[in-house]
Structure formats: C-alpha cells, structure tokens
C-alpha cells in the first residue's frame, strides 16, 4: 500500500516496485497527474480497478484508489 504526498512516489520507488516482483499494489493518490506519471514508470503493473473518493466536499480535491496487479 502506498499513499504518497502530492508529488507521487517518484521514479526511485516506482522503479523498485516495478522490478520487485510484488504481485499487487494499492496506490492511494490525491494528485491524478503524479499518479499517471508513476503508472508510466511501472508498466509491469496494470490497473485492475479504481475508485474516486470525494473526501473534501465542495472542493476540487479528490482521492483516487487504484489496485495494480502484475501482468
């Protein structure tokens, strides 16, 4: 389970996860742009499901939870 700050997990951790052989990752993100950037760094992990949570009503802030599974 990763729940990074707005900047995302970054290339070092994303690379580690990509090469680790871990079968599943749950990624909780408050920034869809950094989430997309991190997902590009982990092509061996595919999005199996995703859900958006409106944790802060009446604002434009959302949380996204993504289940990633190894291909």
C-alpha atoms as a PDB file:
ATOM      1  CA  UNK A   1       0.000   0.000   0.000  1.00  0.00           C
ATOM      2  CA  UNK A   2       1.388   3.377  -0.981  1.00  0.00           C
ATOM      3  CA  UNK A   3      -0.133   6.730  -0.042  1.00  0.00           C
ATOM      4  CA  UNK A   4       2.356   9.346  -1.219  1.00  0.00           C
ATOM      5  CA  UNK A   5       2.234  13.127  -0.935  1.00  0.00           C
ATOM      6  CA  UNK A   6       1.032  15.144  -3.947  1.00  0.00           C
ATOM      7  CA  UNK A   7       4.377  14.704  -5.736  1.00  0.00           C
ATOM      8  CA  UNK A   8       3.758  10.929  -6.021  1.00  0.00           C
ATOM      9  CA  UNK A   9       6.037   8.018  -5.213  1.00  0.00           C
ATOM     10  CA  UNK A  10       8.705   9.182  -7.654  1.00  0.00           C
ATOM     11  CA  UNK A  11      10.935   7.269 -10.041  1.00  0.00           C
ATOM     12  CA  UNK A  12      13.080   5.548  -7.408  1.00  0.00           C
ATOM     13  CA  UNK A  13      10.229   3.831  -5.538  1.00  0.00           C
ATOM     14  CA  UNK A  14       8.226   3.263  -8.741  1.00  0.00           C
ATOM     15  CA  UNK A  15      11.274   1.569 -10.276  1.00  0.00           C
ATOM     16  CA  UNK A  16      11.748  -0.552  -7.177  1.00  0.00           C
ATOM     17  CA  UNK A  17       8.101  -1.658  -7.240  1.00  0.00           C
ATOM     18  CA  UNK A  18       8.340  -2.399 -10.975  1.00  0.00           C
ATOM     19  CA  UNK A  19      11.379  -4.645 -10.502  1.00  0.00           C
ATOM     20  CA  UNK A  20      10.384  -6.181  -7.147  1.00  0.00           C
ATOM     21  CA  UNK A  21       8.083  -8.933  -8.349  1.00  0.00           C
ATOM     22  CA  UNK A  22       5.367  -7.765  -5.949  1.00  0.00           C
ATOM     23  CA  UNK A  23       2.049  -9.062  -7.313  1.00  0.00           C
ATOM     24  CA  UNK A  24      -0.313  -6.310  -6.074  1.00  0.00           C
ATOM     25  CA  UNK A  25      -0.068  -2.669  -5.083  1.00  0.00           C
ATOM     26  CA  UNK A  26      -2.813  -0.457  -3.717  1.00  0.00           C
ATOM     27  CA  UNK A  27      -1.991   3.134  -4.629  1.00  0.00           C
ATOM     28  CA  UNK A  28      -3.916   5.945  -2.939  1.00  0.00           C
ATOM     29  CA  UNK A  29      -3.394   9.303  -4.643  1.00  0.00           C
ATOM     30  CA  UNK A  30      -4.528  12.871  -4.096  1.00  0.00           C
ATOM     31  CA  UNK A  31      -2.981  14.007  -7.413  1.00  0.00           C
ATOM     32  CA  UNK A  32      -4.041  12.329 -10.644  1.00  0.00           C
ATOM     33  CA  UNK A  33      -1.111  13.880 -12.561  1.00  0.00           C
ATOM     34  CA  UNK A  34       1.558  12.345 -10.317  1.00  0.00           C
ATOM     35  CA  UNK A  35      -0.409   9.069 -10.278  1.00  0.00           C
ATOM     36  CA  UNK A  36      -0.350   8.943 -14.093  1.00  0.00           C
ATOM     37  CA  UNK A  37       3.375   9.743 -14.137  1.00  0.00           C
ATOM     38  CA  UNK A  38       4.111   6.994 -11.598  1.00  0.00           C
ATOM     39  CA  UNK A  39       1.981   4.462 -13.513  1.00  0.00           C
ATOM     40  CA  UNK A  40       4.035   5.119 -16.658  1.00  0.00           C
ATOM     41  CA  UNK A  41       7.131   4.133 -14.666  1.00  0.00           C
ATOM     42  CA  UNK A  42       5.547   0.785 -13.712  1.00  0.00           C
ATOM     43  CA  UNK A  43       4.433  -0.849 -16.997  1.00  0.00           C
ATOM     44  CA  UNK A  44       4.531  -4.332 -15.442  1.00  0.00           C
ATOM     45  CA  UNK A  45       1.719  -3.369 -13.047  1.00  0.00           C
ATOM     46  CA  UNK A  46      -1.695  -2.878 -14.622  1.00  0.00           C
ATOM     47  CA  UNK A  47      -4.730  -1.065 -13.233  1.00  0.00           C
ATOM     48  CA  UNK A  48      -7.335  -3.685 -12.318  1.00  0.00           C
ATOM     49  CA  UNK A  49      -9.773  -1.353 -10.587  1.00  0.00           C
ATOM     50  CA  UNK A  50     -10.013   2.235  -9.464  1.00  0.00           C
ATOM     51  CA  UNK A  51     -12.312   4.292  -7.313  1.00  0.00           C
ATOM     52  CA  UNK A  52     -12.653   8.015  -6.711  1.00  0.00           C
ATOM     53  CA  UNK A  53     -13.408   9.306  -3.215  1.00  0.00           C
ATOM     54  CA  UNK A  54     -14.744  12.805  -2.594  1.00  0.00           C
ATOM     55  CA  UNK A  55     -13.076  13.302   0.765  1.00  0.00           C
ATOM     56  CA  UNK A  56     -13.445  17.086   0.742  1.00  0.00           C
ATOM     57  CA  UNK A  57     -16.956  18.046  -0.416  1.00  0.00           C
ATOM     58  CA  UNK A  58     -17.413  21.402  -2.121  1.00  0.00           C
ATOM     59  CA  UNK A  59     -13.755  21.493  -3.228  1.00  0.00           C
ATOM     60  CA  UNK A  60     -11.979  20.212  -6.335  1.00  0.00           C
ATOM     61  CA  UNK A  61      -9.834  17.787  -4.272  1.00  0.00           C
ATOM     62  CA  UNK A  62     -10.372  14.061  -4.803  1.00  0.00           C
ATOM     63  CA  UNK A  63      -8.642  10.875  -3.684  1.00  0.00           C
ATOM     64  CA  UNK A  64      -8.129   8.045  -6.161  1.00  0.00           C
ATOM     65  CA  UNK A  65      -7.519   4.469  -5.020  1.00  0.00           C
ATOM     66  CA  UNK A  66      -6.092   2.119  -7.647  1.00  0.00           C
ATOM     67  CA  UNK A  67      -5.493  -1.619  -7.440  1.00  0.00           C
ATOM     68  CA  UNK A  68      -2.469  -2.569  -9.533  1.00  0.00           C
ATOM     69  CA  UNK A  69      -1.683  -6.183 -10.403  1.00  0.00           C
ATOM     70  CA  UNK A  70       1.291  -7.694 -12.156  1.00  0.00           C
ATOM     71  CA  UNK A  71       0.625  -8.796 -15.741  1.00  0.00           C
END
